[in-house]
């Protein structure tokens, strides 16, 4: 790799009419290296804007709100001017008409083992059971070891959040003391940022595992970048070329991918794989409770005259003797259970 300073020295000596042999002797480099630098420089011809209608390009650029793809289409449709996309982007840079967004100084977050994990969701369009659906990808990532766990759900409410986190903590074999989340109402009851009020049922759920939910500040999504950047990895690696027969098959494949691919692949930032880093972090996690109660939603329903109870636009059959009576319907992730009094009836 030739350094920038070396290239500058070669070009400077060449402009002073020094021969290749002389440049090679002065800079103590091979003549082939000198020839390569001069050859590359000769191919880099500056792009002049004089042969292009710059005023028209600026006008169309403003009309299209900075979308260069659309600028190219409008120039061709309205003015019959054909410009390649790469040439047009170079012209836009040379004319300096694109509004440059101010870049702010970025920092890094360093975490000790067992201190923090990050949770987020992202919608992905997938094929389940032969049909296209928008599935919610729920993800949990340990900030120290980068160990990842994902699952998919048709929707993501507090019920699915508890289902997922219960599965995720079991996959990790414990929990960190802090979980960074966004400010959506799935977990947050009111407010925003670290001072937000966590929903009472989610707070109780977190206390059971010895951890606290901490929302990041508004407009600061980089605070949970370790879990955010994994979504593109999931879309480009896990979802690519895969089909799923149903939601159980979907999540079974997602778990296996986490075990065999995502956490097995070495990460440059770690210098090892997440599984290897997790061996050092596991001892610092808060252990799982001795008993973890099942996660479900309970509602009451009156049995209709056809001996059915309704739940989420579905009807479930119960014994005819319960027509007109009130029953408790418990909705689990993959099961609906009906109780009358303390008796399980369906």
Protein backbone atom coordinates (compact mmCIF):
# COMPACT_ATOMS: atom_id res chain seq x y z
CA UNK A 1 0.00 0.00 0.00
CA UNK A 2 1.57 3.29 -1.12
CA UNK A 3 1.13 6.11 1.38
CA UNK A 4 -0.41 9.44 0.42
CA UNK A 5 2.88 11.24 1.20
CA UNK A 6 4.83 8.88 -1.07
CA UNK A 7 2.36 9.44 -3.95
CA UNK A 8 2.66 13.20 -3.46
CA UNK A 9 6.48 12.99 -3.53
CA UNK A 10 6.47 10.92 -6.75
CA UNK A 11 4.09 13.34 -8.51
CA UNK A 12 6.07 16.38 -7.31
CA UNK A 13 9.38 14.99 -8.65
CA UNK A 14 7.67 14.00 -11.90
CA UNK A 15 6.38 17.56 -12.37
CA UNK A 16 9.99 18.75 -11.93
CA UNK A 17 10.93 16.61 -14.99
CA UNK A 18 12.75 13.99 -12.94
CA UNK A 19 13.10 10.64 -14.69
CA UNK A 20 11.60 7.42 -13.32
CA UNK A 21 15.05 5.98 -12.52
CA UNK A 22 15.99 9.14 -10.62
CA UNK A 23 12.70 9.20 -8.65
CA UNK A 24 13.23 5.54 -7.75
CA UNK A 25 16.76 6.26 -6.48
CA UNK A 26 15.78 9.37 -4.47
CA UNK A 27 12.73 7.82 -2.75
CA UNK A 28 14.28 4.31 -2.48
CA UNK A 29 11.33 2.57 -4.12
CA UNK A 30 11.06 0.36 -7.19
CA UNK A 31 10.63 1.80 -10.66
CA UNK A 32 7.48 -0.28 -11.12
CA UNK A 33 5.93 1.51 -8.14
CA UNK A 34 6.76 4.89 -9.69
CA UNK A 35 5.28 3.80 -13.03
CA UNK A 36 2.10 2.56 -11.31
CA UNK A 37 1.50 5.88 -9.52
CA UNK A 38 2.08 7.90 -12.70
CA UNK A 39 -0.16 5.57 -14.71
CA UNK A 40 -3.04 5.90 -12.23
CA UNK A 41 -2.66 9.67 -12.10
CA UNK A 42 -2.77 9.90 -15.88
CA UNK A 43 -6.10 8.06 -15.98
CA UNK A 44 -7.74 10.44 -13.49
CA UNK A 45 -9.03 13.13 -15.84
CA UNK A 46 -10.91 15.93 -14.12
CA UNK A 47 -14.63 16.07 -14.90
CA UNK A 48 -15.57 19.43 -16.35
CA UNK A 49 -19.05 20.79 -15.88
CA UNK A 50 -18.96 23.16 -18.85
CA UNK A 51 -20.54 20.64 -21.25
CA UNK A 52 -23.49 20.02 -18.92
CA UNK A 53 -26.46 22.37 -18.24
CA UNK A 54 -25.52 23.12 -14.64
CA UNK A 55 -28.23 25.75 -14.17
CA UNK A 56 -30.90 23.28 -15.31
CA UNK A 57 -29.46 20.55 -13.08
CA UNK A 58 -29.61 22.87 -10.06
CA UNK A 59 -33.22 23.77 -10.85
CA UNK A 60 -34.31 20.13 -11.25
CA UNK A 61 -32.31 19.16 -8.16
CA UNK A 62 -34.35 21.59 -6.05
CA UNK A 63 -37.58 20.43 -7.68
CA UNK A 64 -36.80 16.80 -6.88
CA UNK A 65 -35.78 17.62 -3.28
CA UNK A 66 -32.28 16.31 -3.72
CA UNK A 67 -33.21 12.88 -5.12
CA UNK A 68 -30.51 12.36 -7.77
CA UNK A 69 -32.23 9.30 -9.22
CA UNK A 70 -35.34 11.38 -9.86
CA UNK A 71 -33.23 14.27 -11.22
CA UNK A 72 -31.81 11.93 -13.86
CA UNK A 73 -35.30 10.72 -14.82
CA UNK A 74 -36.71 14.28 -15.10
CA UNK A 75 -33.77 15.46 -17.23
CA UNK A 76 -34.37 12.57 -19.61
CA UNK A 77 -38.19 12.88 -19.72
CA UNK A 78 -38.55 16.65 -19.97
CA UNK A 79 -35.31 17.80 -21.63
CA UNK A 80 -34.06 14.64 -23.39
CA UNK A 81 -30.73 14.97 -21.59
CA UNK A 82 -29.11 11.62 -20.85
CA UNK A 83 -26.55 11.63 -18.02
CA UNK A 84 -25.31 8.50 -16.30
CA UNK A 85 -26.04 8.26 -12.58
CA UNK A 86 -22.36 8.22 -11.58
CA UNK A 87 -21.66 11.32 -13.68
CA UNK A 88 -24.66 13.12 -12.24
CA UNK A 89 -23.63 12.41 -8.66
CA UNK A 90 -20.13 13.77 -9.42
CA UNK A 91 -21.66 16.91 -10.91
CA UNK A 92 -23.81 17.39 -7.81
CA UNK A 93 -20.73 17.11 -5.61
CA UNK A 94 -18.74 19.53 -7.77
CA UNK A 95 -21.55 22.10 -7.82
CA UNK A 96 -21.87 21.73 -4.03
CA UNK A 97 -25.67 21.97 -4.14
CA UNK A 98 -26.44 19.14 -1.77
CA UNK A 99 -27.17 20.25 1.78
CA UNK A 100 -24.54 18.72 4.02
CA UNK A 101 -25.88 17.48 7.30
CA UNK A 102 -23.83 18.58 10.26
CA UNK A 103 -21.97 15.68 11.76
CA UNK A 104 -21.63 15.55 15.51
CA UNK A 105 -18.81 14.02 17.43
CA UNK A 106 -19.47 10.38 18.24
CA UNK A 107 -18.31 8.49 21.30
CA UNK A 108 -18.14 4.89 22.40
CA UNK A 109 -19.74 2.97 25.22
CA UNK A 110 -17.75 0.38 27.13
CA UNK A 111 -19.46 -2.07 29.47
CA UNK A 112 -18.33 -4.53 32.08
CA UNK A 113 -19.67 -8.09 31.95
CA UNK A 114 -23.24 -8.51 33.14
CA UNK A 115 -23.99 -4.78 33.37
CA UNK A 116 -26.12 -4.04 30.31
CA UNK A 117 -28.22 -5.65 27.60
CA UNK A 118 -30.17 -3.95 24.81
CA UNK A 119 -33.62 -4.79 23.41
CA UNK A 120 -35.42 -3.56 20.30
CA UNK A 121 -37.82 -4.65 17.53
CA UNK A 122 -37.91 -4.17 13.77
CA UNK A 123 -40.55 -5.06 11.12
CA UNK A 124 -39.44 -7.51 8.42
CA UNK A 125 -41.46 -8.67 5.40
CA UNK A 126 -41.23 -12.48 5.22
CA UNK A 127 -43.00 -15.52 3.76
CA UNK A 128 -44.77 -17.62 6.42
CA UNK A 129 -46.99 -20.51 5.39
CA UNK A 130 -46.80 -19.48 1.73
CA UNK A 131 -48.07 -15.94 2.38
CA UNK A 132 -46.26 -12.61 2.71
CA UNK A 133 -46.56 -11.06 6.17
CA UNK A 134 -44.92 -8.24 8.12
CA UNK A 135 -43.33 -9.93 11.12
CA UNK A 136 -41.94 -8.13 14.14
CA UNK A 137 -38.35 -9.19 14.84
CA UNK A 138 -37.63 -8.96 18.59
CA UNK A 139 -33.96 -8.90 19.50
CA UNK A 140 -31.91 -8.96 22.70
CA UNK A 141 -28.14 -8.37 22.71
CA UNK A 142 -25.69 -8.47 25.61
CA UNK A 143 -23.58 -5.31 25.42
CA UNK A 144 -20.32 -6.91 26.60
CA UNK A 145 -20.23 -10.20 24.70
CA UNK A 146 -22.61 -9.16 21.84
CA UNK A 147 -24.47 -12.46 22.27
CA UNK A 148 -27.69 -12.21 20.25
CA UNK A 149 -31.14 -13.78 20.47
CA UNK A 150 -34.04 -13.12 18.08
CA UNK A 151 -37.63 -14.30 17.69
CA UNK A 152 -40.53 -13.29 15.41
CA UNK A 153 -44.15 -12.42 16.21
CA UNK A 154 -47.21 -11.33 14.18
CA UNK A 155 -47.44 -8.28 16.44
CA UNK A 156 -45.52 -6.99 19.45
CA UNK A 157 -47.47 -5.89 22.53
CA UNK A 158 -46.59 -6.19 26.21
CA UNK A 159 -47.77 -9.78 26.09
CA UNK A 160 -45.33 -10.66 23.28
CA UNK A 161 -42.63 -8.60 25.02
CA UNK A 162 -42.90 -10.75 28.15
CA UNK A 163 -43.01 -13.92 26.04
CA UNK A 164 -39.86 -12.89 24.17
CA UNK A 165 -37.86 -11.65 27.15
CA UNK A 166 -38.70 -14.79 29.09
CA UNK A 167 -37.32 -16.86 26.18
CA UNK A 168 -34.31 -14.56 25.77
CA UNK A 169 -33.28 -14.70 29.44
CA UNK A 170 -33.58 -18.48 29.30
CA UNK A 171 -31.37 -18.55 26.19
CA UNK A 172 -28.75 -16.39 27.93
CA UNK A 173 -28.97 -18.33 31.18
CA UNK A 174 -29.52 -15.12 33.14
CA UNK A 175 -29.99 -11.36 32.77
CA UNK A 176 -27.94 -8.18 33.04
CA UNK A 177 -28.89 -5.59 35.65
CA UNK A 178 -29.93 -3.00 33.03
CA UNK A 179 -31.85 -3.28 29.74
CA UNK A 180 -31.72 -0.33 27.34
CA UNK A 181 -34.95 0.06 25.35
CA UNK A 182 -36.63 2.67 23.15
CA UNK A 183 -39.50 4.94 24.24
CA UNK A 184 -42.45 3.06 22.74
CA UNK A 185 -45.51 2.33 24.86
CA UNK A 186 -44.87 -1.43 24.81
CA UNK A 187 -42.78 -1.13 27.98
CA UNK A 188 -42.99 2.59 28.86
CA UNK A 189 -46.17 3.83 30.58
CA UNK A 190 -45.44 7.57 30.33
CA UNK A 191 -42.57 10.01 29.94
CA UNK A 192 -39.38 9.46 27.98
CA UNK A 193 -35.69 8.81 28.48
CA UNK A 194 -34.13 7.49 31.69
CA UNK A 195 -36.79 9.33 33.76
CA UNK A 196 -39.71 7.56 32.02
CA UNK A 197 -42.24 5.58 34.03
CA UNK A 198 -42.16 1.88 33.22
CA UNK A 199 -45.52 0.09 32.93
CA UNK A 200 -46.32 -1.61 36.28
CA UNK A 201 -46.65 -5.14 34.85
CA UNK A 202 -43.35 -4.79 32.98
CA UNK A 203 -41.65 -3.40 36.07
CA UNK A 204 -42.81 -6.43 38.08
CA UNK A 205 -41.60 -8.68 35.29
CA UNK A 206 -38.17 -7.02 35.32
CA UNK A 207 -37.89 -7.26 39.11
CA UNK A 208 -38.50 -10.99 38.89
CA UNK A 209 -35.31 -11.31 36.82
CA UNK A 210 -33.34 -8.72 38.83
CA UNK A 211 -33.14 -6.12 36.06
CA UNK A 212 -34.40 -2.60 35.26
CA UNK A 213 -35.70 -1.22 31.96
CA UNK A 214 -33.97 2.06 30.99
CA UNK A 215 -35.25 3.98 27.90
CA UNK A 216 -32.65 5.99 26.01
CA UNK A 217 -33.02 9.73 25.44
CA UNK A 218 -35.24 10.90 22.58
CA UNK A 219 -33.35 11.09 19.24
CA UNK A 220 -30.47 9.05 20.65
CA UNK A 221 -30.96 5.62 19.01
CA UNK A 222 -27.19 5.07 18.94
CA UNK A 223 -27.43 4.37 22.66
CA UNK A 224 -28.65 0.90 21.72
CA UNK A 225 -26.53 0.55 18.58
CA UNK A 226 -25.31 -2.92 19.56
CA UNK A 227 -28.79 -4.35 19.07
CA UNK A 228 -29.77 -1.96 16.23
CA UNK A 229 -26.94 -2.94 13.87
CA UNK A 230 -27.89 -6.61 14.09
CA UNK A 231 -31.18 -6.10 12.22
CA UNK A 232 -29.43 -5.60 8.87
CA UNK A 233 -27.36 -8.72 9.63
CA UNK A 234 -30.57 -10.65 10.30
CA UNK A 235 -32.20 -9.45 7.05
CA UNK A 236 -29.13 -10.08 4.92
CA UNK A 237 -28.14 -13.42 6.44
CA UNK A 238 -30.93 -15.20 8.29
CA UNK A 239 -33.91 -14.20 6.12
CA UNK A 240 -32.10 -14.49 2.78
CA UNK A 241 -33.27 -17.58 0.92
CA UNK A 242 -35.32 -19.02 3.79
CA UNK A 243 -38.99 -19.96 3.93
CA UNK A 244 -41.07 -20.84 6.99
CA UNK A 245 -44.05 -23.17 7.25
CA UNK A 246 -45.49 -21.51 10.37
CA UNK A 247 -44.51 -19.32 13.31
CA UNK A 248 -43.12 -22.27 15.29
CA UNK A 249 -40.88 -23.25 12.38
CA UNK A 250 -39.92 -19.58 11.95
CA UNK A 251 -38.74 -19.20 15.55
CA UNK A 252 -37.12 -22.63 15.62
CA UNK A 253 -34.97 -21.64 12.64
CA UNK A 254 -34.25 -18.23 14.20
CA UNK A 255 -33.00 -19.84 17.42
CA UNK A 256 -30.83 -22.31 15.51
CA UNK A 257 -29.38 -19.45 13.44
CA UNK A 258 -28.46 -17.60 16.65
CA UNK A 259 -26.73 -20.71 17.98
CA UNK A 260 -24.93 -21.81 14.80
CA UNK A 261 -24.23 -18.56 12.93
CA UNK A 262 -24.80 -15.22 14.68
CA UNK A 263 -23.05 -16.06 17.96
CA UNK A 264 -20.49 -18.39 16.39
CA UNK A 265 -19.11 -15.87 13.88
CA UNK A 266 -16.02 -13.90 15.14
CA UNK A 267 -16.47 -10.15 15.50
CA UNK A 268 -13.62 -7.80 14.70
CA UNK A 269 -14.55 -5.43 17.55
CA UNK A 270 -14.30 -8.33 20.03
CA UNK A 271 -11.40 -10.20 18.53
CA UNK A 272 -13.42 -13.37 19.08
CA UNK A 273 -16.93 -14.75 18.64
CA UNK A 274 -19.82 -13.69 20.92
CA UNK A 275 -19.99 -17.25 22.26
CA UNK A 276 -16.33 -17.07 23.32
CA UNK A 277 -16.85 -13.66 24.96
CA UNK A 278 -20.00 -14.98 26.64
CA UNK A 279 -17.93 -17.57 28.50
CA UNK A 280 -16.32 -14.64 30.34
CA UNK A 281 -19.61 -12.82 30.90
CA UNK A 282 -21.89 -15.67 31.96
CA UNK A 283 -20.64 -15.75 35.56
CA UNK A 284 -21.61 -12.06 36.00
CA UNK A 285 -25.24 -12.44 34.88
CA UNK A 286 -28.04 -12.37 37.44
CA UNK A 287 -29.15 -16.02 37.76
CA UNK A 288 -32.64 -17.01 36.64
CA UNK A 289 -35.31 -17.38 39.35
CA UNK A 290 -35.78 -20.87 40.77
CA UNK A 291 -39.31 -20.84 39.35
CA UNK A 292 -40.43 -18.75 36.36
CA UNK A 293 -44.25 -18.66 36.11
CA UNK A 294 -45.75 -19.12 32.63
CA UNK A 295 -46.53 -15.95 30.69
CA UNK A 296 -50.18 -15.54 29.72
CA UNK A 297 -53.05 -13.06 29.47
CA UNK A 298 -56.27 -13.77 31.39
CA UNK A 299 -59.70 -12.43 30.38
CA UNK A 300 -63.26 -13.34 31.34
CA UNK A 301 -65.88 -14.33 28.78
CA UNK A 302 -69.55 -15.36 28.80
CA UNK A 303 -70.14 -18.65 26.96
CA UNK A 304 -72.56 -17.96 24.06
CA UNK A 305 -75.61 -20.03 23.08
CA UNK A 306 -73.50 -22.04 20.62
CA UNK A 307 -71.13 -23.04 23.43
CA UNK A 308 -68.23 -20.89 22.23
CA UNK A 309 -66.03 -18.20 23.79
CA UNK A 310 -64.46 -15.51 21.61
CA UNK A 311 -60.84 -14.31 21.80
CA UNK A 312 -58.90 -12.25 19.23
CA UNK A 313 -61.51 -12.85 16.48
CA UNK A 314 -61.37 -16.62 17.06
CA UNK A 315 -63.97 -18.87 18.69
CA UNK A 316 -63.14 -21.74 21.05
CA UNK A 317 -65.51 -24.55 22.01
CA UNK A 318 -66.33 -25.30 25.68
CA UNK A 319 -68.75 -27.82 27.28
CA UNK A 320 -72.45 -27.10 26.69
CA UNK A 321 -73.17 -27.10 30.43
CA UNK A 322 -71.36 -23.74 30.65
CA UNK A 323 -73.68 -21.87 28.25
CA UNK A 324 -74.45 -18.47 29.77
CA UNK A 325 -71.79 -18.83 32.48
CA UNK A 326 -68.67 -16.75 32.98
CA UNK A 327 -65.33 -18.47 32.36
CA UNK A 328 -61.69 -17.39 32.53
CA UNK A 329 -59.76 -17.63 29.27
CA UNK A 330 -55.97 -17.77 29.52
CA UNK A 331 -54.06 -16.88 26.36
CA UNK A 332 -50.55 -18.35 26.16
CA UNK A 333 -48.22 -17.91 23.18
CA UNK A 334 -49.22 -21.23 21.58
CA UNK A 335 -52.21 -22.35 23.66
CA UNK A 336 -55.62 -21.12 24.90
CA UNK A 337 -56.87 -22.62 28.19
CA UNK A 338 -60.40 -22.14 29.59
CA UNK A 339 -61.17 -22.43 33.32
CA UNK A 340 -64.50 -22.52 35.12
CA UNK A 341 -63.83 -21.87 38.77
CA UNK A 342 -60.65 -23.87 39.43
CA UNK A 343 -61.50 -26.54 36.84
CA UNK A 344 -59.78 -26.65 33.48
CA UNK A 345 -62.61 -27.27 31.03
CA UNK A 346 -61.03 -26.71 27.57
